[in-house]
PDB file of N, CA and C in Angstrom:
ATOM      1  N   MET A   1     -68.654 -21.475 139.196  1.00  0.00           N
ATOM      2  CA  MET A   1     -67.255 -21.863 139.319  1.00  0.00           C
ATOM      3  C   MET A   1     -66.860 -21.264 140.798  1.00  0.00           C
ATOM      4  N   GLU A   2     -65.822 -22.119 141.112  1.00  0.00           N
ATOM      5  CA  GLU A   2     -65.184 -21.825 142.383  1.00  0.00           C
ATOM      6  C   GLU A   2     -63.801 -20.913 142.143  1.00  0.00           C
ATOM      7  N   VAL A   3     -63.554 -20.271 143.194  1.00  0.00           N
ATOM      8  CA  VAL A   3     -62.368 -19.304 143.074  1.00  0.00           C
ATOM      9  C   VAL A   3     -61.183 -20.004 143.878  1.00  0.00           C
ATOM     10  N   VAL A   4     -60.117 -19.913 143.199  1.00  0.00           N
ATOM     11  CA  VAL A   4     -58.871 -20.498 143.665  1.00  0.00           C
ATOM     12  C   VAL A   4     -57.872 -19.368 143.631  1.00  0.00           C
ATOM     13  N   SER A   5     -56.980 -19.136 144.707  1.00  0.00           N
ATOM     14  CA  SER A   5     -56.002 -18.032 144.592  1.00  0.00           C
ATOM     15  C   SER A   5     -54.708 -18.761 144.414  1.00  0.00           C
ATOM     16  N   VAL A   6     -53.886 -17.976 143.660  1.00  0.00           N
ATOM     17  CA  VAL A   6     -52.435 -18.332 143.405  1.00  0.00           C
ATOM     18  C   VAL A   6     -51.491 -17.252 143.706  1.00  0.00           C
ATOM     19  N   LYS A   7     -50.475 -17.667 144.297  1.00  0.00           N
ATOM     20  CA  LYS A   7     -49.408 -16.490 144.668  1.00  0.00           C
ATOM     21  C   LYS A   7     -48.372 -16.737 143.612  1.00  0.00           C
ATOM     22  N   VAL A   8     -48.011 -15.468 143.058  1.00  0.00           N
ATOM     23  CA  VAL A   8     -46.666 -15.639 142.241  1.00  0.00           C
ATOM     24  C   VAL A   8     -45.744 -14.355 142.683  1.00  0.00           C
ATOM     25  N   ASP A   9     -44.519 -14.453 142.502  1.00  0.00           N
ATOM     26  CA  ASP A   9     -43.643 -13.407 142.877  1.00  0.00           C
ATOM     27  C   ASP A   9     -43.885 -12.259 142.131  1.00  0.00           C
ATOM     28  N   LYS A  10     -43.293 -11.155 142.393  1.00  0.00           N
ATOM     29  CA  LYS A  10     -43.438  -9.724 141.848  1.00  0.00           C
ATOM     30  C   LYS A  10     -42.998  -9.664 140.436  1.00  0.00           C
ATOM     31  N   MET A  11     -42.023 -10.327 140.011  1.00  0.00           N
ATOM     32  CA  MET A  11     -41.473 -10.332 138.824  1.00  0.00           C
ATOM     33  C   MET A  11     -42.367 -11.003 137.783  1.00  0.00           C
ATOM     34  N   VAL A  12     -42.932 -12.326 138.078  1.00  0.00           N
ATOM     35  CA  VAL A  12     -43.985 -12.819 137.280  1.00  0.00           C
ATOM     36  C   VAL A  12     -45.294 -11.986 137.173  1.00  0.00           C
ATOM     37  N   LYS A  13     -45.740 -11.454 138.244  1.00  0.00           N
ATOM     38  CA  LYS A  13     -46.968 -10.494 138.136  1.00  0.00           C
ATOM     39  C   LYS A  13     -46.798  -9.274 137.147  1.00  0.00           C
ATOM     40  N   ASP A  14     -45.552  -8.784 137.245  1.00  0.00           N
ATOM     41  CA  ASP A  14     -45.236  -7.497 136.158  1.00  0.00           C
ATOM     42  C   ASP A  14     -45.173  -8.114 134.900  1.00  0.00           C
ATOM     43  N   LYS A  15     -44.672  -9.222 134.680  1.00  0.00           N
ATOM     44  CA  LYS A  15     -44.815  -9.822 133.381  1.00  0.00           C
ATOM     45  C   LYS A  15     -46.010  -9.977 132.914  1.00  0.00           C
ATOM     46  N   MET A  16     -46.933 -10.485 133.886  1.00  0.00           N
ATOM     47  CA  MET A  16     -48.224 -10.779 133.430  1.00  0.00           C
ATOM     48  C   MET A  16     -49.171  -9.611 133.175  1.00  0.00           C
ATOM     49  N   LYS A  17     -48.775  -8.499 133.737  1.00  0.00           N
ATOM     50  CA  LYS A  17     -49.356  -7.178 133.561  1.00  0.00           C
ATOM     51  C   LYS A  17     -49.113  -6.720 132.221  1.00  0.00           C
ATOM     52  N   LYS A  18     -47.777  -6.935 131.887  1.00  0.00           N
ATOM     53  CA  LYS A  18     -47.316  -6.583 130.489  1.00  0.00           C
ATOM     54  C   LYS A  18     -48.020  -7.209 129.379  1.00  0.00           C
ATOM     55  N   LEU A  19     -48.604  -8.406 129.707  1.00  0.00           N
ATOM     56  CA  LEU A  19     -49.205  -9.312 128.603  1.00  0.00           C
ATOM     57  C   LEU A  19     -50.664  -9.335 129.049  1.00  0.00           C
ATOM     58  N   ALA A  20     -51.234  -8.117 129.121  1.00  0.00           N
ATOM     59  CA  ALA A  20     -52.691  -8.022 129.739  1.00  0.00           C
ATOM     60  C   ALA A  20     -53.544  -8.753 128.698  1.00  0.00           C
ATOM     61  N   ASN A  21     -53.353  -8.848 127.415  1.00  0.00           N
ATOM     62  CA  ASN A  21     -54.285  -9.580 126.537  1.00  0.00           C
ATOM     63  C   ASN A  21     -54.468 -11.014 126.554  1.00  0.00           C
ATOM     64  N   VAL A  22     -53.628 -11.590 127.561  1.00  0.00           N
ATOM     65  CA  VAL A  22     -53.678 -12.988 127.795  1.00  0.00           C
ATOM     66  C   VAL A  22     -54.782 -13.368 128.872  1.00  0.00           C
ATOM     67  N   ASN A  23     -55.544 -14.309 128.797  1.00  0.00           N
ATOM     68  CA  ASN A  23     -56.468 -14.789 129.538  1.00  0.00           C
ATOM     69  C   ASN A  23     -55.876 -15.616 130.804  1.00  0.00           C
ATOM     70  N   TRP A  24     -55.164 -15.146 131.759  1.00  0.00           N
ATOM     71  CA  TRP A  24     -54.506 -15.834 132.566  1.00  0.00           C
ATOM     72  C   TRP A  24     -55.257 -16.914 133.483  1.00  0.00           C
ATOM     73  N   SER A  25     -56.595 -16.521 133.725  1.00  0.00           N
ATOM     74  CA  SER A  25     -57.347 -17.495 134.519  1.00  0.00           C
ATOM     75  C   SER A  25     -57.497 -18.719 133.615  1.00  0.00           C
ATOM     76  N   GLU A  26     -57.908 -18.602 132.142  1.00  0.00           N
ATOM     77  CA  GLU A  26     -58.064 -19.736 131.386  1.00  0.00           C
ATOM     78  C   GLU A  26     -56.695 -20.660 131.252  1.00  0.00           C
ATOM     79  N   ILE A  27     -55.554 -19.853 131.346  1.00  0.00           N
ATOM     80  CA  ILE A  27     -54.267 -20.567 131.231  1.00  0.00           C
ATOM     81  C   ILE A  27     -54.041 -21.408 132.370  1.00  0.00           C
ATOM     82  N   ILE A  28     -54.456 -21.033 133.493  1.00  0.00           N
ATOM     83  CA  ILE A  28     -54.259 -21.682 134.792  1.00  0.00           C
ATOM     84  C   ILE A  28     -55.173 -22.828 134.812  1.00  0.00           C
ATOM     85  N   ARG A  29     -56.644 -22.438 134.485  1.00  0.00           N
ATOM     86  CA  ARG A  29     -57.556 -23.678 134.503  1.00  0.00           C
ATOM     87  C   ARG A  29     -57.058 -24.670 133.623  1.00  0.00           C
ATOM     88  N   GLN A  30     -56.682 -24.358 132.327  1.00  0.00           N
ATOM     89  CA  GLN A  30     -56.160 -25.537 131.396  1.00  0.00           C
ATOM     90  C   GLN A  30     -54.807 -26.248 132.162  1.00  0.00           C
ATOM     91  N   ALA A  31     -53.987 -25.561 132.704  1.00  0.00           N
ATOM     92  CA  ALA A  31     -52.712 -26.166 133.212  1.00  0.00           C
ATOM     93  C   ALA A  31     -53.409 -27.234 134.484  1.00  0.00           C
ATOM     94  N   LEU A  32     -54.127 -26.569 135.183  1.00  0.00           N
ATOM     95  CA  LEU A  32     -54.736 -27.615 136.429  1.00  0.00           C
ATOM     96  C   LEU A  32     -55.510 -28.757 135.827  1.00  0.00           C
ATOM     97  N   ALA A  33     -56.342 -28.464 134.923  1.00  0.00           N
ATOM     98  CA  ALA A  33     -56.986 -29.699 134.228  1.00  0.00           C
ATOM     99  C   ALA A  33     -56.073 -30.739 133.681  1.00  0.00           C
ATOM    100  N   GLU A  34     -55.117 -30.261 132.895  1.00  0.00           N
ATOM    101  CA  GLU A  34     -54.000 -31.195 132.439  1.00  0.00           C
ATOM    102  C   GLU A  34     -53.349 -31.869 133.405  1.00  0.00           C
ATOM    103  N   LYS A  35     -52.990 -31.290 134.455  1.00  0.00           N
ATOM    104  CA  LYS A  35     -52.194 -31.981 135.612  1.00  0.00           C
ATOM    105  C   LYS A  35     -53.142 -32.994 136.273  1.00  0.00           C
ATOM    106  N   ILE A  36     -54.243 -32.699 136.430  1.00  0.00           N
ATOM    107  CA  ILE A  36     -55.336 -33.552 136.976  1.00  0.00           C
ATOM    108  C   ILE A  36     -55.369 -34.807 136.172  1.00  0.00           C
ATOM    109  N   ARG A  37     -55.491 -34.724 134.801  1.00  0.00           N
ATOM    110  CA  ARG A  37     -55.663 -35.668 133.899  1.00  0.00           C
ATOM    111  C   ARG A  37     -54.384 -36.587 133.966  1.00  0.00           C
ATOM    112  N   GLU A  38     -53.183 -35.927 133.914  1.00  0.00           N
ATOM    113  CA  GLU A  38     -52.025 -36.778 134.008  1.00  0.00           C
ATOM    114  C   GLU A  38     -51.862 -37.554 135.296  1.00  0.00           C
ATOM    115  N   GLU A  39     -52.199 -36.907 136.348  1.00  0.00           N
ATOM    116  CA  GLU A  39     -51.997 -37.687 137.807  1.00  0.00           C
ATOM    117  C   GLU A  39     -53.027 -38.858 137.760  1.00  0.00           C
ATOM    118  N   GLU A  40     -54.412 -38.590 137.446  1.00  0.00           N
ATOM    119  CA  GLU A  40     -55.313 -39.633 137.388  1.00  0.00           C
ATOM    120  C   GLU A  40     -54.870 -40.746 136.524  1.00  0.00           C
ATOM    121  N   SER A  41     -54.195 -40.430 135.350  1.00  0.00           N
ATOM    122  CA  SER A  41     -53.737 -41.474 134.498  1.00  0.00           C
ATOM    123  C   SER A  41     -52.702 -42.308 135.163  1.00  0.00           C
ATOM    124  N   LYS A  42     -51.827 -41.669 135.909  1.00  0.00           N
ATOM    125  CA  LYS A  42     -50.799 -42.552 136.623  1.00  0.00           C
ATOM    126  C   LYS A  42     -51.453 -43.433 137.575  1.00  0.00           C
ATOM    127  N   SER A  43     -52.485 -42.990 138.177  1.00  0.00           N
ATOM    128  CA  SER A  43     -52.969 -43.885 139.266  1.00  0.00           C
ATOM    129  C   SER A  43     -53.827 -44.946 138.563  1.00  0.00           C
ATOM    130  N   ARG A  44     -54.237 -44.817 137.513  1.00  0.00           N
ATOM    131  CA  ARG A  44     -55.032 -45.886 136.865  1.00  0.00           C
ATOM    132  C   ARG A  44     -54.113 -46.989 136.152  1.00  0.00           C
ATOM    133  N   THR A  45     -52.897 -46.721 135.926  1.00  0.00           N
ATOM    134  CA  THR A  45     -51.859 -47.586 135.291  1.00  0.00           C
ATOM    135  C   THR A  45     -51.272 -48.411 136.237  1.00  0.00           C
ATOM    136  N   VAL A  46     -51.280 -48.132 137.535  1.00  0.00           N
ATOM    137  CA  VAL A  46     -50.634 -48.827 138.463  1.00  0.00           C
ATOM    138  C   VAL A  46     -51.552 -49.726 139.285  1.00  0.00           C
ATOM    139  N   ASP A  47     -51.585 -51.003 138.835  1.00  0.00           N
ATOM    140  CA  ASP A  47     -52.628 -51.916 139.551  1.00  0.00           C
ATOM    141  C   ASP A  47     -51.726 -52.833 140.297  1.00  0.00           C
ATOM    142  N   ARG A  48     -52.047 -52.787 141.636  1.00  0.00           N
ATOM    143  CA  ARG A  48     -51.346 -53.477 142.613  1.00  0.00           C
ATOM    144  C   ARG A  48     -51.104 -55.066 142.395  1.00  0.00           C
ATOM    145  N   GLN A  49     -52.349 -55.535 141.924  1.00  0.00           N
ATOM    146  CA  GLN A  49     -52.254 -57.128 141.716  1.00  0.00           C
ATOM    147  C   GLN A  49     -51.309 -57.399 140.567  1.00  0.00           C
ATOM    148  N   SER A  50     -51.410 -56.659 139.438  1.00  0.00           N
ATOM    149  CA  SER A  50     -50.472 -56.809 138.403  1.00  0.00           C
ATOM    150  C   SER A  50     -48.971 -56.571 138.769  1.00  0.00           C
ATOM    151  N   LEU A  51     -48.771 -55.886 139.635  1.00  0.00           N
ATOM    152  CA  LEU A  51     -47.478 -55.579 140.187  1.00  0.00           C
ATOM    153  C   LEU A  51     -46.905 -56.791 140.957  1.00  0.00           C
ATOM    154  N   LEU A  52     -47.736 -57.275 141.813  1.00  0.00           N
ATOM    155  CA  LEU A  52     -47.388 -58.339 142.477  1.00  0.00           C
ATOM    156  C   LEU A  52     -47.231 -59.714 141.736  1.00  0.00           C
ATOM    157  N   GLU A  53     -47.965 -59.844 140.685  1.00  0.00           N
ATOM    158  CA  GLU A  53     -47.708 -61.035 139.739  1.00  0.00           C
ATOM    159  C   GLU A  53     -46.434 -60.860 139.131  1.00  0.00           C
ATOM    160  N   ALA A  54     -46.107 -59.562 138.630  1.00  0.00           N
ATOM    161  CA  ALA A  54     -44.882 -59.437 137.802  1.00  0.00           C
ATOM    162  C   ALA A  54     -43.688 -59.574 138.810  1.00  0.00           C
ATOM    163  N   SER A  55     -43.837 -59.261 139.988  1.00  0.00           N
ATOM    164  CA  SER A  55     -42.673 -59.479 140.992  1.00  0.00           C
ATOM    165  C   SER A  55     -42.401 -60.980 141.268  1.00  0.00           C
ATOM    166  N   LYS A  56     -43.695 -61.716 141.313  1.00  0.00           N
ATOM    167  CA  LYS A  56     -43.467 -63.084 141.481  1.00  0.00           C
ATOM    168  C   LYS A  56     -42.731 -63.631 140.223  1.00  0.00           C
ATOM    169  N   MET A  57     -43.197 -63.433 139.090  1.00  0.00           N
ATOM    170  CA  MET A  57     -42.517 -63.934 137.837  1.00  0.00           C
ATOM    171  C   MET A  57     -41.196 -63.656 137.664  1.00  0.00           C
ATOM    172  N   THR A  58     -40.791 -62.384 138.043  1.00  0.00           N
ATOM    173  CA  THR A  58     -39.378 -61.912 138.063  1.00  0.00           C
ATOM    174  C   THR A  58     -38.615 -62.875 138.942  1.00  0.00           C
ATOM    175  N   ASP A  59     -39.135 -63.070 140.237  1.00  0.00           N
ATOM    176  CA  ASP A  59     -38.329 -63.899 141.207  1.00  0.00           C
ATOM    177  C   ASP A  59     -38.180 -65.404 140.719  1.00  0.00           C
ATOM    178  N   ARG A  60     -39.241 -65.899 140.012  1.00  0.00           N
ATOM    179  CA  ARG A  60     -39.135 -67.172 139.618  1.00  0.00           C
ATOM    180  C   ARG A  60     -37.907 -67.283 138.410  1.00  0.00           C
ATOM    181  N   MET A  61     -38.010 -66.343 137.529  1.00  0.00           N
ATOM    182  CA  MET A  61     -36.963 -66.116 136.402  1.00  0.00           C
ATOM    183  C   MET A  61     -35.574 -66.207 136.849  1.00  0.00           C
ATOM    184  N   ARG A  62     -35.315 -65.536 138.255  1.00  0.00           N
ATOM    185  CA  ARG A  62     -33.972 -65.275 138.738  1.00  0.00           C
ATOM    186  C   ARG A  62     -33.409 -66.372 139.313  1.00  0.00           C
ATOM    187  N   ARG A  63     -34.167 -67.431 139.620  1.00  0.00           N
ATOM    188  CA  ARG A  63     -33.624 -68.851 140.167  1.00  0.00           C
ATOM    189  C   ARG A  63     -32.415 -69.239 139.146  1.00  0.00           C
ATOM    190  N   SER A  64     -31.506 -69.631 140.002  1.00  0.00           N
ATOM    191  CA  SER A  64     -30.115 -69.997 138.857  1.00  0.00           C
ATOM    192  C   SER A  64     -30.416 -71.374 138.260  1.00  0.00           C
ATOM    193  N   SER A  65     -29.737 -71.461 137.192  1.00  0.00           N
ATOM    194  CA  SER A  65     -29.863 -72.609 136.524  1.00  0.00           C
ATOM    195  C   SER A  65     -28.496 -73.419 136.835  1.00  0.00           C
ATOM    196  N   ARG A  66     -28.690 -74.677 136.898  1.00  0.00           N
ATOM    197  CA  ARG A  66     -27.558 -75.721 137.362  1.00  0.00           C
ATOM    198  C   ARG A  66     -26.758 -75.917 136.160  1.00  0.00           C
ATOM    199  N   ARG A  67     -27.528 -75.956 134.923  1.00  0.00           N
ATOM    200  CA  ARG A  67     -26.869 -76.402 133.782  1.00  0.00           C
ATOM    201  C   ARG A  67     -26.060 -75.228 132.987  1.00  0.00           C
ATOM    202  N   TRP A  68     -26.317 -74.062 133.245  1.00  0.00           N
ATOM    203  CA  TRP A  68     -25.994 -72.955 132.452  1.00  0.00           C
ATOM    204  C   TRP A  68     -25.330 -71.950 133.325  1.00  0.00           C
ATOM    205  N   ASN A  69     -23.998 -71.596 132.919  1.00  0.00           N
ATOM    206  CA  ASN A  69     -23.295 -70.473 133.647  1.00  0.00           C
ATOM    207  C   ASN A  69     -23.114 -69.186 132.764  1.00  0.00           C
ATOM    208  N   SER A  70     -23.931 -68.227 133.317  1.00  0.00           N
ATOM    209  CA  SER A  70     -23.815 -67.103 132.399  1.00  0.00           C
ATOM    210  C   SER A  70     -22.472 -66.447 132.206  1.00  0.00           C
ATOM    211  N   THR A  71     -21.595 -66.520 133.220  1.00  0.00           N
ATOM    212  CA  THR A  71     -20.383 -66.072 133.165  1.00  0.00           C
ATOM    213  C   THR A  71     -19.504 -66.704 131.998  1.00  0.00           C
ATOM    214  N   GLU A  72     -19.457 -67.939 132.000  1.00  0.00           N
ATOM    215  CA  GLU A  72     -18.947 -68.843 131.084  1.00  0.00           C
ATOM    216  C   GLU A  72     -19.413 -68.423 129.634  1.00  0.00           C
ATOM    217  N   GLU A  73     -20.742 -68.295 129.506  1.00  0.00           N
ATOM    218  CA  GLU A  73     -21.404 -68.172 128.248  1.00  0.00           C
ATOM    219  C   GLU A  73     -20.837 -66.782 127.665  1.00  0.00           C
ATOM    220  N   ILE A  74     -20.747 -65.821 128.590  1.00  0.00           N
ATOM    221  CA  ILE A  74     -20.192 -64.313 128.186  1.00  0.00           C
ATOM    222  C   ILE A  74     -18.829 -64.508 127.789  1.00  0.00           C
ATOM    223  N   ARG A  75     -17.990 -65.103 128.485  1.00  0.00           N
ATOM    224  CA  ARG A  75     -16.602 -65.501 127.944  1.00  0.00           C
ATOM    225  C   ARG A  75     -16.413 -66.162 126.769  1.00  0.00           C
ATOM    226  N   LYS A  76     -17.310 -67.124 126.583  1.00  0.00           N
ATOM    227  CA  LYS A  76     -17.238 -67.903 125.256  1.00  0.00           C
ATOM    228  C   LYS A  76     -17.572 -66.994 123.971  1.00  0.00           C
ATOM    229  N   TRP A  77     -18.604 -66.187 123.977  1.00  0.00           N
ATOM    230  CA  TRP A  77     -18.863 -65.293 123.101  1.00  0.00           C
ATOM    231  C   TRP A  77     -17.804 -63.982 122.988  1.00  0.00           C
ATOM    232  N   ARG A  78     -17.328 -63.832 123.947  1.00  0.00           N
ATOM    233  CA  ARG A  78     -16.153 -62.642 123.797  1.00  0.00           C
ATOM    234  C   ARG A  78     -14.988 -63.227 123.051  1.00  0.00           C
ATOM    235  N   GLN A  79     -14.797 -64.393 123.535  1.00  0.00           N
ATOM    236  CA  GLN A  79     -13.480 -65.119 122.675  1.00  0.00           C
ATOM    237  C   GLN A  79     -13.894 -65.275 121.101  1.00  0.00           C
ATOM    238  N   ALA A  80     -15.276 -65.541 120.813  1.00  0.00           N
ATOM    239  CA  ALA A  80     -15.435 -65.830 119.529  1.00  0.00           C
ATOM    240  C   ALA A  80     -15.231 -64.596 118.639  1.00  0.00           C
ATOM    241  N   ARG A  81     -15.467 -63.458 119.344  1.00  0.00           N
ATOM    242  CA  ARG A  81     -15.292 -62.100 118.583  1.00  0.00           C
ATOM    243  C   ARG A  81     -13.823 -61.924 118.227  1.00  0.00           C
ATOM    244  N   LYS A  82     -12.787 -62.364 119.006  1.00  0.00           N
ATOM    245  CA  LYS A  82     -11.584 -61.947 118.819  1.00  0.00           C
ATOM    246  C   LYS A  82     -10.949 -62.565 117.566  1.00  0.00           C
TER     247      LYS A  82
END
């Protein structure tokens, strides 16, 4: 195993000493491993090609419709509720 040093403030170190039965090295190893899994998962889920395709699809859907006016439609439905 490799050695990694971690600095903590005095208050944290004092509390750690009071809890001497806790395996702090193991706690830190687990926390680091979990953070690594989390970050790797994030990088796998972001696929640049998929993002570009989704962006293009969104742009196509944004094009205005000449036959349908969203403002008029909203007003129509609001009037129907009254």
